[in-house]
């Protein structure tokens, strides 16, 4: 058998070599080697937080419910994870039209984060029906339920025109320097 090449040179062995290579399995498109995974590069967790209402009266009794939903990298609920809820130091609200105040997002304010007794003004408290793990110096620890939710209640203080920032950190991520996983703001008028 002869094969014609564009420059006119004939190579009788070329077809035989290609046929032998294909028959011998040199070109196996149907077999793939699994790739080694090296990720994920981040925590693989996401937290969605909401506060309702996000505007409360500074009367010492008004409350806002803060709900946190924890999901994994595939969007599925993460149950049984310990989560720290805490407030950052309160700051006066910005005047109308001014940018929001600078808030240190890695610092907890222990005076308002950890309840010294239920019903005290200006504190975070566990929501009934959710798993309360306990107080810590800088906040309270809740465990996520089967739907990946944890819930706390902010009891308003008496400082008018302040912004309360509630943040969450998930225990066991291995890097506390990242700050909060998520925050939500409540305006106390």
Protein backbone atom coordinates (compact mmCIF):
# COMPACT_ATOMS: atom_id res chain seq x y z
CA UNK A 1 0.00 0.00 0.00
CA UNK A 2 1.25 3.44 -0.89
CA UNK A 3 0.24 6.82 0.47
CA UNK A 4 0.68 9.96 -1.51
CA UNK A 5 2.07 12.96 0.37
CA UNK A 6 1.53 16.50 -0.89
CA UNK A 7 5.15 16.91 -1.94
CA UNK A 8 4.93 13.77 -4.04
CA UNK A 9 6.96 11.51 -1.75
CA UNK A 10 5.38 8.12 -1.18
CA UNK A 11 5.57 6.32 2.14
CA UNK A 12 4.29 2.76 1.95
CA UNK A 13 4.70 2.21 5.66
CA UNK A 14 2.71 5.29 6.83
CA UNK A 15 -0.76 3.71 6.59
CA UNK A 16 0.47 0.54 8.27
CA UNK A 17 2.00 2.54 11.13
CA UNK A 18 -1.15 4.61 11.71
CA UNK A 19 -3.37 1.50 11.54
CA UNK A 20 -1.13 -0.35 14.00
CA UNK A 21 -1.14 2.60 16.42
CA UNK A 22 -4.93 2.86 16.33
CA UNK A 23 -5.40 -0.87 16.73
CA UNK A 24 -2.90 -0.97 19.60
CA UNK A 25 -4.84 1.59 21.63
CA UNK A 26 -2.52 4.58 21.28
CA UNK A 27 -5.53 6.82 20.81
CA UNK A 28 -8.09 6.06 23.51
CA UNK A 29 -10.65 8.82 23.55
CA UNK A 30 -13.22 6.85 25.48
CA UNK A 31 -10.97 6.36 28.52
CA UNK A 32 -10.31 9.31 30.78
CA UNK A 33 -8.26 9.53 33.92
CA UNK A 34 -10.04 11.15 36.90
CA UNK A 35 -8.60 14.53 37.82
CA UNK A 36 -7.26 15.02 41.32
CA UNK A 37 -9.22 17.70 43.17
CA UNK A 38 -7.40 20.33 45.19
CA UNK A 39 -10.27 22.54 46.40
CA UNK A 40 -12.30 24.13 47.68
CA UNK A 41 -10.25 27.24 48.11
CA UNK A 42 -12.76 28.84 50.48
CA UNK A 43 -14.86 27.60 53.39
CA UNK A 44 -17.57 26.21 51.15
CA UNK A 45 -20.19 27.72 53.48
CA UNK A 46 -22.53 30.62 52.93
CA UNK A 47 -24.71 32.38 55.46
CA UNK A 48 -27.77 34.43 54.68
CA UNK A 49 -28.95 36.73 57.47
CA UNK A 50 -32.12 38.75 57.84
CA UNK A 51 -33.40 40.99 60.62
CA UNK A 52 -37.09 41.61 61.05
CA UNK A 53 -37.80 44.36 61.66
CA UNK A 54 -34.55 46.12 60.85
CA UNK A 55 -35.81 49.35 62.48
CA UNK A 56 -36.65 49.27 66.20
CA UNK A 57 -37.53 51.85 68.83
CA UNK A 58 -34.85 52.62 71.41
CA UNK A 59 -37.26 51.91 74.26
CA UNK A 60 -35.56 48.99 76.02
CA UNK A 61 -38.30 46.51 75.06
CA UNK A 62 -38.61 46.46 71.26
CA UNK A 63 -37.16 43.39 69.55
CA UNK A 64 -35.84 42.31 66.17
CA UNK A 65 -35.55 38.64 65.17
CA UNK A 66 -32.29 37.77 63.39
CA UNK A 67 -32.44 34.62 61.28
CA UNK A 68 -29.33 32.98 59.85
CA UNK A 69 -29.47 30.27 57.17
CA UNK A 70 -26.26 28.24 56.68
CA UNK A 71 -25.66 26.37 53.39
CA UNK A 72 -22.82 24.31 51.97
CA UNK A 73 -21.12 24.78 48.59
CA UNK A 74 -23.99 22.90 46.88
CA UNK A 75 -26.70 25.08 48.46
CA UNK A 76 -27.85 22.40 50.91
CA UNK A 77 -28.67 23.20 54.53
CA UNK A 78 -25.87 22.56 57.03
CA UNK A 79 -27.26 21.13 60.27
CA UNK A 80 -25.60 20.89 63.67
CA UNK A 81 -22.93 23.59 63.23
CA UNK A 82 -22.07 25.85 66.18
CA UNK A 83 -22.42 29.51 65.23
CA UNK A 84 -21.30 32.54 67.25
CA UNK A 85 -23.69 35.51 67.14
CA UNK A 86 -22.36 38.80 68.44
CA UNK A 87 -22.77 42.53 68.01
CA UNK A 88 -20.03 44.93 66.98
CA UNK A 89 -19.51 48.08 69.03
CA UNK A 90 -22.49 50.35 68.39
CA UNK A 91 -21.88 53.51 66.44
CA UNK A 92 -23.96 56.65 66.01
CA UNK A 93 -26.00 56.63 62.83
CA UNK A 94 -24.64 58.69 59.93
CA UNK A 95 -26.36 62.00 59.16
CA UNK A 96 -28.76 61.98 56.22
CA UNK A 97 -26.82 61.73 52.96
CA UNK A 98 -23.52 60.82 54.62
CA UNK A 99 -21.81 57.46 54.05
CA UNK A 100 -22.45 54.78 56.68
CA UNK A 101 -20.09 54.79 59.67
CA UNK A 102 -16.96 52.66 59.77
CA UNK A 103 -17.63 49.43 61.62
CA UNK A 104 -14.95 47.01 62.76
CA UNK A 105 -16.23 43.74 61.36
CA UNK A 106 -14.01 41.38 63.30
CA UNK A 107 -14.60 42.76 66.79
CA UNK A 108 -17.43 41.76 69.12
CA UNK A 109 -18.87 44.02 71.80
CA UNK A 110 -19.18 41.80 74.85
CA UNK A 111 -21.38 44.29 76.72
CA UNK A 112 -24.34 43.74 74.37
CA UNK A 113 -23.58 40.38 72.78
CA UNK A 114 -23.79 38.00 75.70
CA UNK A 115 -27.03 38.04 77.68
CA UNK A 116 -26.55 38.52 81.39
CA UNK A 117 -30.16 37.56 81.89
CA UNK A 118 -33.06 37.15 79.52
CA UNK A 119 -35.03 40.30 78.91
CA UNK A 120 -32.23 42.74 79.73
CA UNK A 121 -32.16 45.77 77.43
CA UNK A 122 -29.62 45.95 74.60
CA UNK A 123 -28.71 42.28 74.35
CA UNK A 124 -28.83 39.32 72.02
CA UNK A 125 -30.96 36.47 73.32
CA UNK A 126 -31.65 32.97 71.98
CA UNK A 127 -34.92 32.48 70.10
CA UNK A 128 -37.25 29.91 71.63
CA UNK A 129 -37.42 26.73 69.58
CA UNK A 130 -33.79 26.94 68.40
CA UNK A 131 -30.80 25.20 69.98
CA UNK A 132 -28.98 27.47 72.41
CA UNK A 133 -25.49 26.16 73.10
CA UNK A 134 -24.53 28.82 75.62
CA UNK A 135 -23.01 32.21 76.27
CA UNK A 136 -19.38 33.05 75.59
CA UNK A 137 -17.53 36.22 76.55
CA UNK A 138 -18.18 37.90 73.24
CA UNK A 139 -21.61 36.58 72.25
CA UNK A 140 -23.94 33.62 72.26
CA UNK A 141 -23.55 30.31 70.50
CA UNK A 142 -26.42 28.66 68.68
CA UNK A 143 -26.50 25.39 66.71
CA UNK A 144 -28.09 25.18 63.28
CA UNK A 145 -31.20 23.01 63.04
CA UNK A 146 -32.05 20.42 60.36
CA UNK A 147 -32.91 23.23 57.92
CA UNK A 148 -29.55 24.96 58.60
CA UNK A 149 -31.21 27.81 60.53
CA UNK A 150 -30.31 29.49 63.79
CA UNK A 151 -32.18 32.44 65.27
CA UNK A 152 -31.54 35.07 67.94
CA UNK A 153 -33.48 38.09 69.17
CA UNK A 154 -32.06 41.61 69.58
CA UNK A 155 -33.66 43.45 72.49
CA UNK A 156 -33.30 47.18 71.88
CA UNK A 157 -31.42 49.42 74.25
CA UNK A 158 -32.16 53.06 74.92
CA UNK A 159 -29.46 54.70 72.77
CA UNK A 160 -31.26 56.61 70.02
CA UNK A 161 -30.01 56.85 66.43
CA UNK A 162 -27.51 54.01 66.59
CA UNK A 163 -26.72 51.22 64.17
CA UNK A 164 -26.48 47.73 65.63
CA UNK A 165 -24.47 45.24 63.57
CA UNK A 166 -25.00 41.55 64.35
CA UNK A 167 -22.40 39.20 62.89
CA UNK A 168 -21.94 35.43 62.76
CA UNK A 169 -18.88 33.22 62.78
CA UNK A 170 -19.04 29.49 62.25
CA UNK A 171 -16.91 27.42 64.60
CA UNK A 172 -14.33 25.12 63.07
CA UNK A 173 -13.36 27.02 59.91
CA UNK A 174 -9.74 27.21 61.07
CA UNK A 175 -9.17 30.92 60.43
CA UNK A 176 -10.69 33.36 62.90
CA UNK A 177 -8.87 36.28 61.27
CA UNK A 178 -11.39 36.30 58.38
CA UNK A 179 -13.90 38.18 60.50
CA UNK A 180 -17.60 37.50 60.26
CA UNK A 181 -19.09 35.16 57.71
CA UNK A 182 -22.08 37.50 57.40
CA UNK A 183 -23.59 40.56 59.11
CA UNK A 184 -26.95 42.29 59.33
CA UNK A 185 -27.73 45.82 60.52
CA UNK A 186 -30.53 47.06 62.75
CA UNK A 187 -31.25 50.75 63.17
CA UNK A 188 -32.32 51.78 66.66
CA UNK A 189 -34.29 55.05 66.62
